C-alpha atoms as a PDB file:
ATOM      1  CA  MET A   1      -2.346 -26.744  33.216  1.00  0.00           C
ATOM      2  CA  GLY A   2      -3.395 -27.714  29.933  1.00  0.00           C
ATOM      3  CA  LEU A   3      -4.146 -24.338  29.238  1.00  0.00           C
ATOM      4  CA  LEU A   4      -1.013 -24.014  29.952  1.00  0.00           C
ATOM      5  CA  ARG A   5       0.430 -26.451  28.157  1.00  0.00           C
ATOM      6  CA  TYR A   6      -2.283 -25.425  25.432  1.00  0.00           C
ATOM      7  CA  THR A   7      -0.616 -22.043  25.425  1.00  0.00           C
ATOM      8  CA  ALA A   8       2.998 -23.214  24.940  1.00  0.00           C
ATOM      9  CA  GLY A   9       1.589 -25.089  21.885  1.00  0.00           C
ATOM     10  CA  ARG A  10       0.729 -22.322  20.067  1.00  0.00           C
ATOM     11  CA  VAL A  11       3.907 -20.289  20.564  1.00  0.00           C
ATOM     12  CA  VAL A  12       6.546 -23.135  19.417  1.00  0.00           C
ATOM     13  CA  GLN A  13       3.858 -23.339  15.998  1.00  0.00           C
ATOM     14  CA  ALA A  14       3.984 -19.756  15.882  1.00  0.00           C
ATOM     15  CA  ILE A  15       7.501 -19.298  15.747  1.00  0.00           C
ATOM     16  CA  PRO A  16       7.802 -21.124  11.781  1.00  0.00           C
ATOM     17  CA  VAL A  17       5.174 -19.017  11.304  1.00  0.00           C
ATOM     18  CA  LEU A  18       7.186 -15.552  12.021  1.00  0.00           C
ATOM     19  CA  ILE A  19      10.300 -17.080  10.239  1.00  0.00           C
ATOM     20  CA  GLY A  20       8.360 -17.551   6.607  1.00  0.00           C
ATOM     21  CA  ILE A  21       7.164 -14.342   7.061  1.00  0.00           C
ATOM     22  CA  THR A  22      10.918 -12.732   7.415  1.00  0.00           C
ATOM     23  CA  VAL A  23      11.783 -15.012   4.930  1.00  0.00           C
ATOM     24  CA  ILE A  24       9.041 -14.076   1.848  1.00  0.00           C
ATOM     25  CA  THR A  25       9.521 -10.375   3.111  1.00  0.00           C
ATOM     26  CA  PHE A  26      13.195 -10.266   3.023  1.00  0.00           C
ATOM     27  CA  ILE A  27      13.485 -12.056  -0.067  1.00  0.00           C
ATOM     28  CA  LEU A  28      10.440  -9.584  -1.623  1.00  0.00           C
ATOM     29  CA  ALA A  29      12.249  -5.894  -0.157  1.00  0.00           C
ATOM     30  CA  ASN A  30      15.237  -7.044  -1.759  1.00  0.00           C
ATOM     31  CA  LEU A  31      13.892  -8.314  -5.083  1.00  0.00           C
ATOM     32  CA  ALA A  32      12.189  -5.411  -5.975  1.00  0.00           C
ATOM     33  CA  PRO A  33      13.926  -3.273  -8.594  1.00  0.00           C
ATOM     34  CA  GLY A  34      15.430   0.059  -7.640  1.00  0.00           C
ATOM     35  CA  ASP A  35      18.779   0.679  -5.768  1.00  0.00           C
ATOM     36  CA  PRO A  36      17.956   2.501  -1.825  1.00  0.00           C
ATOM     37  CA  VAL A  37      21.056   3.849  -1.539  1.00  0.00           C
ATOM     38  CA  ARG A  38      20.911   5.789  -4.734  1.00  0.00           C
ATOM     39  CA  LEU A  39      17.292   6.926  -3.881  1.00  0.00           C
ATOM     40  CA  MET A  40      18.708   7.772  -0.543  1.00  0.00           C
ATOM     41  CA  LEU A  41      20.955   9.709  -2.414  1.00  0.00           C
ATOM     42  CA  GLN A  42      18.914  11.596  -4.544  1.00  0.00           C
ATOM     43  CA  GLY A  43      19.727  14.730  -5.824  1.00  0.00           C
ATOM     44  CA  GLN A  44      23.419  14.612  -4.637  1.00  0.00           C
ATOM     45  CA  GLU A  45      26.511  14.739  -6.915  1.00  0.00           C
ATOM     46  CA  VAL A  46      28.116  10.891  -5.868  1.00  0.00           C
ATOM     47  CA  ASN A  47      30.439   8.751  -7.330  1.00  0.00           C
ATOM     48  CA  GLN A  48      30.366   5.211  -7.505  1.00  0.00           C
ATOM     49  CA  GLU A  49      33.516   4.795  -4.797  1.00  0.00           C
ATOM     50  CA  VAL A  50      30.731   6.648  -2.037  1.00  0.00           C
ATOM     51  CA  ILE A  51      27.607   4.288  -3.375  1.00  0.00           C
ATOM     52  CA  ALA A  52      29.556   1.174  -2.617  1.00  0.00           C
ATOM     53  CA  ARG A  53      30.667   2.635   0.693  1.00  0.00           C
ATOM     54  CA  ILE A  54      27.729   3.025   2.472  1.00  0.00           C
ATOM     55  CA  GLU A  55      26.762  -0.420   0.399  1.00  0.00           C
ATOM     56  CA  ARG A  56      29.541  -1.741   2.682  1.00  0.00           C
ATOM     57  CA  GLN A  57      28.175   0.145   5.973  1.00  0.00           C
ATOM     58  CA  TYR A  58      24.762  -1.386   5.689  1.00  0.00           C
ATOM     59  CA  GLY A  59      26.113  -5.026   4.506  1.00  0.00           C
ATOM     60  CA  LEU A  60      24.156  -4.289   1.155  1.00  0.00           C
ATOM     61  CA  HIS A  61      27.373  -6.016  -0.453  1.00  0.00           C
ATOM     62  CA  ARG A  62      26.878  -9.480   0.625  1.00  0.00           C
ATOM     63  CA  PRO A  63      24.891 -12.159  -0.479  1.00  0.00           C
ATOM     64  CA  LEU A  64      21.324 -12.341   0.199  1.00  0.00           C
ATOM     65  CA  HIS A  65      21.602 -15.551   2.353  1.00  0.00           C
ATOM     66  CA  GLU A  66      24.019 -14.268   4.820  1.00  0.00           C
ATOM     67  CA  ARG A  67      22.342 -10.452   4.712  1.00  0.00           C
ATOM     68  CA  TYR A  68      18.972 -12.591   6.118  1.00  0.00           C
ATOM     69  CA  LEU A  69      21.131 -15.052   8.927  1.00  0.00           C
ATOM     70  CA  THR A  70      23.006 -11.758  10.081  1.00  0.00           C
ATOM     71  CA  TYR A  71      19.818  -9.981  10.246  1.00  0.00           C
ATOM     72  CA  MET A  72      18.328 -12.408  11.833  1.00  0.00           C
ATOM     73  CA  GLY A  73      20.970 -12.894  14.463  1.00  0.00           C
ATOM     74  CA  ASN A  74      20.558  -8.848  15.855  1.00  0.00           C
ATOM     75  CA  VAL A  75      16.458  -9.924  15.927  1.00  0.00           C
ATOM     76  CA  LEU A  76      17.078 -11.918  18.317  1.00  0.00           C
ATOM     77  CA  GLN A  77      19.457  -9.661  20.198  1.00  0.00           C
ATOM     78  CA  GLY A  78      16.385  -7.099  20.350  1.00  0.00           C
ATOM     79  CA  ASP A  79      18.357  -5.215  17.185  1.00  0.00           C
ATOM     80  CA  LEU A  80      15.239  -4.465  14.464  1.00  0.00           C
ATOM     81  CA  GLY A  81      18.063  -2.668  11.957  1.00  0.00           C
ATOM     82  CA  HIS A  82      19.067   0.750  11.402  1.00  0.00           C
ATOM     83  CA  SER A  83      17.249   2.401   8.636  1.00  0.00           C
ATOM     84  CA  ILE A  84      19.229   3.377   5.786  1.00  0.00           C
ATOM     85  CA  HIS A  85      16.813   6.363   4.412  1.00  0.00           C
ATOM     86  CA  ARG A  86      16.427   7.930   7.813  1.00  0.00           C
ATOM     87  CA  ASP A  87      20.078   6.796   9.893  1.00  0.00           C
ATOM     88  CA  ARG A  88      17.916   5.910  12.515  1.00  0.00           C
ATOM     89  CA  PRO A  89      17.905   2.427  14.739  1.00  0.00           C
ATOM     90  CA  VAL A  90      14.341   1.113  13.441  1.00  0.00           C
ATOM     91  CA  THR A  91      13.116   0.490  17.249  1.00  0.00           C
ATOM     92  CA  ALA A  92      13.608   3.850  18.011  1.00  0.00           C
ATOM     93  CA  LEU A  93      11.244   5.232  14.889  1.00  0.00           C
ATOM     94  CA  LEU A  94       8.446   2.237  15.675  1.00  0.00           C
ATOM     95  CA  ALA A  95       8.318   3.497  19.272  1.00  0.00           C
ATOM     96  CA  GLN A  96       7.912   7.304  17.788  1.00  0.00           C
ATOM     97  CA  ARG A  97       4.977   5.827  15.360  1.00  0.00           C
ATOM     98  CA  ALA A  98       3.503   3.172  17.212  1.00  0.00           C
ATOM     99  CA  GLY A  99       0.925   5.755  19.317  1.00  0.00           C
ATOM    100  CA  PRO A 100      -0.511   7.382  16.570  1.00  0.00           C
ATOM    101  CA  THR A 101      -1.531   4.115  15.389  1.00  0.00           C
ATOM    102  CA  LEU A 102      -2.484   2.232  18.160  1.00  0.00           C
ATOM    103  CA  MET A 103      -4.445   4.807  19.017  1.00  0.00           C
ATOM    104  CA  LEU A 104      -6.130   4.916  15.299  1.00  0.00           C
ATOM    105  CA  VAL A 105      -6.591   1.191  15.611  1.00  0.00           C
ATOM    106  CA  LEU A 106      -8.186   0.899  19.298  1.00  0.00           C
ATOM    107  CA  SER A 107     -10.453   3.288  19.109  1.00  0.00           C
ATOM    108  CA  ALA A 108     -11.681   1.973  15.787  1.00  0.00           C
ATOM    109  CA  TYR A 109     -12.045  -1.474  17.542  1.00  0.00           C
ATOM    110  CA  ALA A 110     -14.418   0.835  20.220  1.00  0.00           C
ATOM    111  CA  PHE A 111     -16.015   2.490  17.633  1.00  0.00           C
ATOM    112  CA  ALA A 112     -16.712  -1.066  15.685  1.00  0.00           C
ATOM    113  CA  LEU A 113     -18.049  -3.043  19.120  1.00  0.00           C
ATOM    114  CA  ALA A 114     -19.910  -0.340  20.622  1.00  0.00           C
ATOM    115  CA  THR A 115     -22.081  -0.107  16.819  1.00  0.00           C
ATOM    116  CA  ALA A 116     -22.023  -3.908  15.651  1.00  0.00           C
ATOM    117  CA  ILE A 117     -23.344  -5.750  18.851  1.00  0.00           C
ATOM    118  CA  PRO A 118     -26.207  -4.162  19.772  1.00  0.00           C
ATOM    119  CA  LEU A 119     -26.865  -3.508  15.812  1.00  0.00           C
ATOM    120  CA  GLY A 120     -26.554  -6.888  15.578  1.00  0.00           C
ATOM    121  CA  ILE A 121     -28.624  -7.716  18.348  1.00  0.00           C
ATOM    122  CA  ILE A 122     -31.163  -5.603  17.046  1.00  0.00           C
ATOM    123  CA  ALA A 123     -31.749  -7.311  13.418  1.00  0.00           C
ATOM    124  CA  ALA A 124     -31.911 -10.285  15.088  1.00  0.00           C
ATOM    125  CA  THR A 125     -34.699  -9.725  17.345  1.00  0.00           C
ATOM    126  CA  ARG A 126     -36.925  -7.832  14.643  1.00  0.00           C
ATOM    127  CA  ARG A 127     -35.803 -10.543  12.098  1.00  0.00           C
ATOM    128  CA  ASN A 128     -37.121  -9.770   8.313  1.00  0.00           C
ATOM    129  CA  GLU A 129     -38.789  -6.356   9.644  1.00  0.00           C
ATOM    130  CA  PRO A 130     -37.553  -2.555   8.337  1.00  0.00           C
ATOM    131  CA  THR A 131     -34.737  -2.576  10.866  1.00  0.00           C
ATOM    132  CA  ASP A 132     -33.305  -5.982   9.720  1.00  0.00           C
ATOM    133  CA  HIS A 133     -33.181  -5.083   6.516  1.00  0.00           C
ATOM    134  CA  VAL A 134     -31.520  -1.073   7.001  1.00  0.00           C
ATOM    135  CA  SER A 135     -28.912  -2.993   8.798  1.00  0.00           C
ATOM    136  CA  ARG A 136     -28.290  -5.779   5.833  1.00  0.00           C
ATOM    137  CA  ILE A 137     -28.063  -2.909   3.790  1.00  0.00           C
ATOM    138  CA  VAL A 138     -25.144  -0.933   6.131  1.00  0.00           C
ATOM    139  CA  ALA A 139     -23.320  -4.186   6.547  1.00  0.00           C
ATOM    140  CA  LEU A 140     -23.061  -4.652   2.730  1.00  0.00           C
ATOM    141  CA  ILE A 141     -21.962  -1.527   1.935  1.00  0.00           C
ATOM    142  CA  GLY A 142     -19.255  -1.922   5.160  1.00  0.00           C
ATOM    143  CA  VAL A 143     -17.527  -4.918   4.019  1.00  0.00           C
ATOM    144  CA  SER A 144     -17.976  -3.808   0.394  1.00  0.00           C
ATOM    145  CA  THR A 145     -15.750  -0.713   0.734  1.00  0.00           C
ATOM    146  CA  PRO A 146     -12.323   0.157   0.994  1.00  0.00           C
ATOM    147  CA  SER A 147     -11.588   2.025   4.245  1.00  0.00           C
ATOM    148  CA  PHE A 148      -9.564   4.590   1.735  1.00  0.00           C
ATOM    149  CA  TRP A 149     -12.652   5.416   0.021  1.00  0.00           C
ATOM    150  CA  ILE A 150     -14.942   5.921   2.899  1.00  0.00           C
ATOM    151  CA  GLY A 151     -12.337   8.542   3.968  1.00  0.00           C
ATOM    152  CA  ILE A 152     -12.134  10.826   1.310  1.00  0.00           C
ATOM    153  CA  VAL A 153     -15.701  10.465   0.991  1.00  0.00           C
ATOM    154  CA  LEU A 154     -16.032  11.601   4.738  1.00  0.00           C
ATOM    155  CA  ILE A 155     -13.263  14.287   4.112  1.00  0.00           C
ATOM    156  CA  LEU A 156     -15.529  15.996   1.713  1.00  0.00           C
ATOM    157  CA  ILE A 157     -18.637  15.730   3.258  1.00  0.00           C
ATOM    158  CA  PHE A 158     -18.063  16.591   6.910  1.00  0.00           C
ATOM    159  CA  ALA A 159     -14.345  18.697   6.137  1.00  0.00           C
ATOM    160  CA  ILE A 160     -14.447  20.324   3.469  1.00  0.00           C
ATOM    161  CA  GLN A 161     -18.182  20.538   2.439  1.00  0.00           C
ATOM    162  CA  LEU A 162     -19.993  20.883   6.311  1.00  0.00           C
ATOM    163  CA  GLY A 163     -16.539  22.398   8.058  1.00  0.00           C
ATOM    164  CA  TRP A 164     -17.547  20.212  11.305  1.00  0.00           C
ATOM    165  CA  LEU A 165     -14.364  17.985  11.537  1.00  0.00           C
ATOM    166  CA  PRO A 166     -10.300  18.030  10.868  1.00  0.00           C
ATOM    167  CA  SER A 167      -9.306  16.878   7.829  1.00  0.00           C
ATOM    168  CA  SER A 168      -6.047  15.433   8.483  1.00  0.00           C
ATOM    169  CA  GLY A 169      -4.109  14.781  11.521  1.00  0.00           C
ATOM    170  CA  LEU A 170      -4.134  13.879  15.563  1.00  0.00           C
ATOM    171  CA  VAL A 171      -4.342  15.089  18.704  1.00  0.00           C
ATOM    172  CA  TYR A 172      -2.606  13.498  20.676  1.00  0.00           C
ATOM    173  CA  PRO A 173      -3.935  13.201  24.998  1.00  0.00           C
ATOM    174  CA  TRP A 174      -0.700  12.232  26.543  1.00  0.00           C
ATOM    175  CA  ARG A 175       0.775  15.449  25.770  1.00  0.00           C
ATOM    176  CA  SER A 176       1.147  18.794  27.341  1.00  0.00           C
ATOM    177  CA  PRO A 177      -2.367  21.196  26.097  1.00  0.00           C
ATOM    178  CA  ASP A 178       0.207  23.341  25.687  1.00  0.00           C
ATOM    179  CA  GLN A 179       1.996  22.102  22.531  1.00  0.00           C
ATOM    180  CA  TYR A 180      -0.775  22.709  20.829  1.00  0.00           C
ATOM    181  CA  GLY A 181      -2.024  25.620  22.001  1.00  0.00           C
ATOM    182  CA  TYR A 182      -4.796  24.753  24.229  1.00  0.00           C
ATOM    183  CA  SER A 183      -6.370  26.118  27.442  1.00  0.00           C
ATOM    184  CA  GLY A 184      -6.303  22.689  29.114  1.00  0.00           C
ATOM    185  CA  TYR A 185      -6.671  19.160  29.149  1.00  0.00           C
ATOM    186  CA  PRO A 186     -10.971  19.489  28.381  1.00  0.00           C
ATOM    187  CA  GLU A 187     -10.048  21.407  25.315  1.00  0.00           C
ATOM    188  CA  LEU A 188      -7.580  19.201  24.447  1.00  0.00           C
ATOM    189  CA  ALA A 189      -9.888  15.806  25.163  1.00  0.00           C
ATOM    190  CA  TYR A 190     -12.547  17.716  22.534  1.00  0.00           C
ATOM    191  CA  GLN A 191      -9.311  18.175  19.589  1.00  0.00           C
ATOM    192  CA  THR A 192      -8.785  14.371  20.268  1.00  0.00           C
ATOM    193  CA  ILE A 193     -12.192  13.319  19.524  1.00  0.00           C
ATOM    194  CA  ARG A 194     -12.351  15.832  16.803  1.00  0.00           C
ATOM    195  CA  HIS A 195      -9.743  14.573  14.801  1.00  0.00           C
ATOM    196  CA  LEU A 196     -10.415  11.149  15.268  1.00  0.00           C
ATOM    197  CA  LEU A 197     -13.272  11.048  14.528  1.00  0.00           C
ATOM    198  CA  LEU A 198     -13.089  10.473  11.297  1.00  0.00           C
ATOM    199  CA  PRO A 199     -10.126   8.429  10.786  1.00  0.00           C
ATOM    200  CA  MET A 200     -11.653   6.260  13.530  1.00  0.00           C
ATOM    201  CA  ILE A 201     -15.360   5.591  10.946  1.00  0.00           C
ATOM    202  CA  ALA A 202     -13.261   5.486   8.059  1.00  0.00           C
ATOM    203  CA  LEU A 203     -11.325   2.462   9.469  1.00  0.00           C
ATOM    204  CA  GLY A 204     -14.180   0.923  11.654  1.00  0.00           C
ATOM    205  CA  THR A 205     -16.553   0.550   9.001  1.00  0.00           C
ATOM    206  CA  LEU A 206     -15.234  -2.324   7.704  1.00  0.00           C
ATOM    207  CA  GLN A 207     -15.182  -3.763  11.110  1.00  0.00           C
ATOM    208  CA  MET A 208     -18.619  -2.981  11.877  1.00  0.00           C
ATOM    209  CA  ALA A 209     -20.154  -4.425   8.966  1.00  0.00           C
ATOM    210  CA  THR A 210     -18.101  -7.444   9.681  1.00  0.00           C
ATOM    211  CA  LEU A 211     -18.874  -8.621  13.292  1.00  0.00           C
ATOM    212  CA  MET A 212     -22.503  -6.743  12.891  1.00  0.00           C
ATOM    213  CA  ARG A 213     -23.264  -9.636   9.869  1.00  0.00           C
ATOM    214  CA  VAL A 214     -21.915 -12.844  12.882  1.00  0.00           C
ATOM    215  CA  GLU A 215     -23.853 -11.361  15.519  1.00  0.00           C
ATOM    216  CA  ARG A 216     -27.083 -11.167  13.768  1.00  0.00           C
ATOM    217  CA  THR A 217     -26.149 -14.992  12.604  1.00  0.00           C
ATOM    218  CA  GLN A 218     -24.995 -15.650  15.377  1.00  0.00           C
ATOM    219  CA  MET A 219     -28.546 -14.420  17.875  1.00  0.00           C
ATOM    220  CA  ILE A 220     -30.368 -15.864  15.293  1.00  0.00           C
ATOM    221  CA  GLU A 221     -29.154 -19.192  15.951  1.00  0.00           C
ATOM    222  CA  SER A 222     -29.210 -18.789  19.389  1.00  0.00           C
ATOM    223  CA  LEU A 223     -32.778 -17.378  19.378  1.00  0.00           C
ATOM    224  CA  GLN A 224     -33.644 -20.780  17.723  1.00  0.00           C
ATOM    225  CA  GLY A 225     -31.799 -22.986  20.519  1.00  0.00           C
ATOM    226  CA  GLU A 226     -33.245 -26.032  22.683  1.00  0.00           C
ATOM    227  CA  TYR A 227     -32.503 -24.226  25.677  1.00  0.00           C
ATOM    228  CA  VAL A 228     -34.369 -19.992  24.784  1.00  0.00           C
ATOM    229  CA  LYS A 229     -36.721 -22.298  24.006  1.00  0.00           C
ATOM    230  CA  LEU A 230     -37.261 -24.028  27.257  1.00  0.00           C
ATOM    231  CA  ALA A 231     -36.757 -21.316  28.921  1.00  0.00           C
ATOM    232  CA  ARG A 232     -40.079 -19.099  27.227  1.00  0.00           C
ATOM    233  CA  ALA A 233     -41.517 -22.192  27.981  1.00  0.00           C
ATOM    234  CA  TYR A 234     -41.033 -21.437  31.902  1.00  0.00           C
ATOM    235  CA  GLY A 235     -42.368 -17.894  30.963  1.00  0.00           C
ATOM    236  CA  VAL A 236     -38.667 -16.595  31.547  1.00  0.00           C
ATOM    237  CA  PRO A 237     -38.626 -12.707  30.645  1.00  0.00           C
ATOM    238  CA  GLU A 238     -37.802 -12.102  27.039  1.00  0.00           C
ATOM    239  CA  ARG A 239     -35.322 -10.127  27.894  1.00  0.00           C
ATOM    240  CA  THR A 240     -33.387 -12.179  30.489  1.00  0.00           C
ATOM    241  CA  ILE A 241     -33.079 -15.113  28.163  1.00  0.00           C
ATOM    242  CA  LEU A 242     -31.502 -12.957  25.751  1.00  0.00           C
ATOM    243  CA  ARG A 243     -28.923 -11.404  28.258  1.00  0.00           C
ATOM    244  CA  LYS A 244     -28.555 -14.985  30.322  1.00  0.00           C
ATOM    245  CA  HIS A 245     -29.419 -17.574  27.273  1.00  0.00           C
ATOM    246  CA  ALA A 246     -28.808 -16.500  23.745  1.00  0.00           C
ATOM    247  CA  PHE A 247     -26.251 -13.450  24.076  1.00  0.00           C
ATOM    248  CA  GLN A 248     -23.510 -15.099  25.579  1.00  0.00           C
ATOM    249  CA  VAL A 249     -23.229 -17.913  23.056  1.00  0.00           C
ATOM    250  CA  ALA A 250     -23.542 -15.731  20.332  1.00  0.00           C
ATOM    251  CA  GLN A 251     -20.381 -14.197  21.149  1.00  0.00           C
ATOM    252  CA  LEU A 252     -17.261 -16.916  20.572  1.00  0.00           C
ATOM    253  CA  PRO A 253     -17.400 -15.945  17.356  1.00  0.00           C
ATOM    254  CA  ILE A 254     -17.192 -12.603  17.752  1.00  0.00           C
ATOM    255  CA  ILE A 255     -14.253 -13.152  19.714  1.00  0.00           C
ATOM    256  CA  THR A 256     -12.463 -15.272  16.659  1.00  0.00           C
ATOM    257  CA  ILE A 257     -13.444 -11.936  14.111  1.00  0.00           C
ATOM    258  CA  ILE A 258     -11.542  -9.887  16.513  1.00  0.00           C
ATOM    259  CA  GLY A 259      -8.583 -11.576  16.458  1.00  0.00           C
ATOM    260  CA  LEU A 260      -8.596 -12.619  13.177  1.00  0.00           C
ATOM    261  CA  ASN A 261      -9.425  -8.940  11.797  1.00  0.00           C
ATOM    262  CA  LEU A 262      -6.234  -7.265  13.465  1.00  0.00           C
ATOM    263  CA  SER A 263      -4.430  -7.671  10.562  1.00  0.00           C
ATOM    264  CA  THR A 264      -7.248  -6.690   8.717  1.00  0.00           C
ATOM    265  CA  ALA A 265      -7.697  -3.379  10.554  1.00  0.00           C
ATOM    266  CA  LEU A 266      -3.290  -2.932  10.636  1.00  0.00           C
ATOM    267  CA  GLY A 267      -3.847  -3.358   6.851  1.00  0.00           C
ATOM    268  CA  GLY A 268      -6.525  -0.820   6.536  1.00  0.00           C
ATOM    269  CA  ALA A 269      -4.543   1.517   8.937  1.00  0.00           C
ATOM    270  CA  VAL A 270      -1.649   2.132   6.474  1.00  0.00           C
ATOM    271  CA  LEU A 271      -3.795   3.949   3.637  1.00  0.00           C
ATOM    272  CA  THR A 272      -5.691   5.409   6.765  1.00  0.00           C
ATOM    273  CA  GLU A 273      -2.973   6.633   7.965  1.00  0.00           C
ATOM    274  CA  TYR A 274      -1.954   7.936   4.280  1.00  0.00           C
ATOM    275  CA  VAL A 275      -5.368   9.375   3.104  1.00  0.00           C
ATOM    276  CA  PHE A 276      -5.582  11.401   7.008  1.00  0.00           C
ATOM    277  CA  ASN A 277      -2.285  12.143   7.226  1.00  0.00           C
ATOM    278  CA  ILE A 278      -1.453  10.456  10.350  1.00  0.00           C
ATOM    279  CA  ASN A 279       2.326   9.847  11.626  1.00  0.00           C
ATOM    280  CA  GLY A 280       1.813   6.341  12.063  1.00  0.00           C
ATOM    281  CA  ILE A 281       3.323   3.213  11.731  1.00  0.00           C
ATOM    282  CA  GLY A 282       1.204   2.388   8.498  1.00  0.00           C
ATOM    283  CA  ARG A 283       2.218   5.372   6.618  1.00  0.00           C
ATOM    284  CA  LEU A 284       5.737   4.504   7.838  1.00  0.00           C
ATOM    285  CA  PHE A 285       5.452   1.083   6.264  1.00  0.00           C
ATOM    286  CA  LEU A 286       4.301   3.123   2.651  1.00  0.00           C
ATOM    287  CA  GLU A 287       6.931   5.599   3.141  1.00  0.00           C
ATOM    288  CA  ALA A 288       9.733   2.501   3.358  1.00  0.00           C
ATOM    289  CA  ILE A 289       8.717   0.939   0.736  1.00  0.00           C
ATOM    290  CA  GLN A 290       8.248   3.895  -1.393  1.00  0.00           C
ATOM    291  CA  SER A 291      12.271   4.598  -0.371  1.00  0.00           C
ATOM    292  CA  LEU A 292      13.136   0.408  -0.326  1.00  0.00           C
ATOM    293  CA  ASP A 293      14.202   0.784   3.349  1.00  0.00           C
ATOM    294  CA  TYR A 294      14.661  -2.987   3.660  1.00  0.00           C
ATOM    295  CA  GLN A 295      15.278  -2.615   7.285  1.00  0.00           C
ATOM    296  CA  LEU A 296      12.530  -0.846   7.821  1.00  0.00           C
ATOM    297  CA  ILE A 297      10.597  -2.868   6.043  1.00  0.00           C
ATOM    298  CA  MET A 298      11.511  -5.971   8.106  1.00  0.00           C
ATOM    299  CA  GLY A 299      11.088  -4.346  11.166  1.00  0.00           C
ATOM    300  CA  ILE A 300       7.331  -2.987  10.467  1.00  0.00           C
ATOM    301  CA  THR A 301       6.820  -7.115   9.417  1.00  0.00           C
ATOM    302  CA  ILE A 302       7.825  -8.412  12.248  1.00  0.00           C
ATOM    303  CA  VAL A 303       6.297  -6.406  14.606  1.00  0.00           C
ATOM    304  CA  ILE A 304       2.800  -6.443  12.356  1.00  0.00           C
ATOM    305  CA  GLY A 305       3.096  -9.804  12.323  1.00  0.00           C
ATOM    306  CA  THR A 306       4.512 -10.504  15.857  1.00  0.00           C
ATOM    307  CA  MET A 307       1.247  -9.057  17.189  1.00  0.00           C
ATOM    308  CA  PHE A 308      -1.843 -10.527  14.512  1.00  0.00           C
ATOM    309  CA  VAL A 309      -0.005 -13.654  15.572  1.00  0.00           C
ATOM    310  CA  VAL A 310      -0.311 -12.626  19.791  1.00  0.00           C
ATOM    311  CA  GLY A 311      -3.442 -11.799  18.689  1.00  0.00           C
ATOM    312  CA  VAL A 312      -4.878 -14.779  17.691  1.00  0.00           C
ATOM    313  CA  ILE A 313      -3.738 -17.425  20.431  1.00  0.00           C
ATOM    314  CA  ILE A 314      -4.934 -14.686  22.823  1.00  0.00           C
ATOM    315  CA  THR A 315      -8.368 -15.951  20.524  1.00  0.00           C
ATOM    316  CA  ASP A 316      -8.022 -19.222  21.418  1.00  0.00           C
ATOM    317  CA  ILE A 317      -7.413 -18.740  25.166  1.00  0.00           C
ATOM    318  CA  SER A 318     -10.041 -16.520  25.510  1.00  0.00           C
ATOM    319  CA  TYR A 319     -12.844 -19.490  24.838  1.00  0.00           C
ATOM    320  CA  ALA A 320     -11.941 -20.849  27.652  1.00  0.00           C
ATOM    321  CA  TYR A 321     -13.508 -17.940  29.789  1.00  0.00           C
ATOM    322  CA  ILE A 322     -16.643 -18.288  27.665  1.00  0.00           C
ATOM    323  CA  ASP A 323     -16.742 -21.222  26.660  1.00  0.00           C
ATOM    324  CA  PRO A 324     -15.806 -23.879  29.747  1.00  0.00           C
ATOM    325  CA  ARG A 325     -16.888 -27.191  26.731  1.00  0.00           C
ATOM    326  CA  VAL A 326     -13.031 -25.812  25.190  1.00  0.00           C
ATOM    327  CA  THR A 327     -10.525 -28.432  27.277  1.00  0.00           C
ATOM    328  CA  TYR A 328      -7.993 -27.154  25.036  1.00  0.00           C
ATOM    329  CA  GLY A 329      -6.979 -31.004  24.188  1.00  0.00           C
ATOM    330  CA  GLU A 330      -7.861 -32.700  27.419  1.00  0.00           C
ATOM    331  CA  HIS A 331      -9.063 -35.783  27.388  1.00  0.00           C
ATOM    332  CA  ASP A 332     -11.363 -37.738  29.921  1.00  0.00           C
END
């Protein structure tokens, strides 16, 4: 019951956060210089009457606060609005572009976890040795380098100079091999990996570097704990100490970083998708900003904001499964 009450309380606390996100985004999008209707009709010969008619169609002639309240009322009914520039429902556009973005973000996280945790453990167990120094240099470079710059460098080396990997686009494993002209699903899987490898590394490097630094620090702290010293005094093998005593305790901050870095990964996906010409939500968001497509900007912001808030709540709840000392506000 304590966990249930805590979860309900966090959901209630998330509501004003999401409302604040929508208010700030709505105001900034509508105060940005430019006219979305004129951008939509760019290159066409139109008069003021046509522009006024389109503004009435999308409610752009109404005061800002009325438009916001109307929009939020529709959102509560599951309607994220209609794209002005693309003349399609925002939900349909998001559904179409969600697959590539999820594929990219999840693979980047998988790459980060698969590399950061082993490297962090190795660096901690070989503290101040050459392996530790190299890992710290790699982590520093990864934290300091933007994902889009890493993507450009990877394209220059592995796509242009060496010609090993493709430089743009993704191959989607949920589609039929016939759509790409492949001979079967093994070739489809192979091409999916080849197209995903460079953007996955570009987006996952920052997450990997952050997680590796935290993993190293926490493992060093865990290995210096009294319970580890006691286990060593009883002759417990070092591998068992690492696996059963030090490793589990060190993962609490890792869970926090994973949840909080979701927004960083989604933000990095915007430029990563643009660099690698991936038609995901990130690139759609950038195009929406360029065309001042208000409702599309709002829809993407609401979805990303909700994903981040849900990720933080899930992160907090996950503590209960690793650290039994977490009581979520219950008192003895």
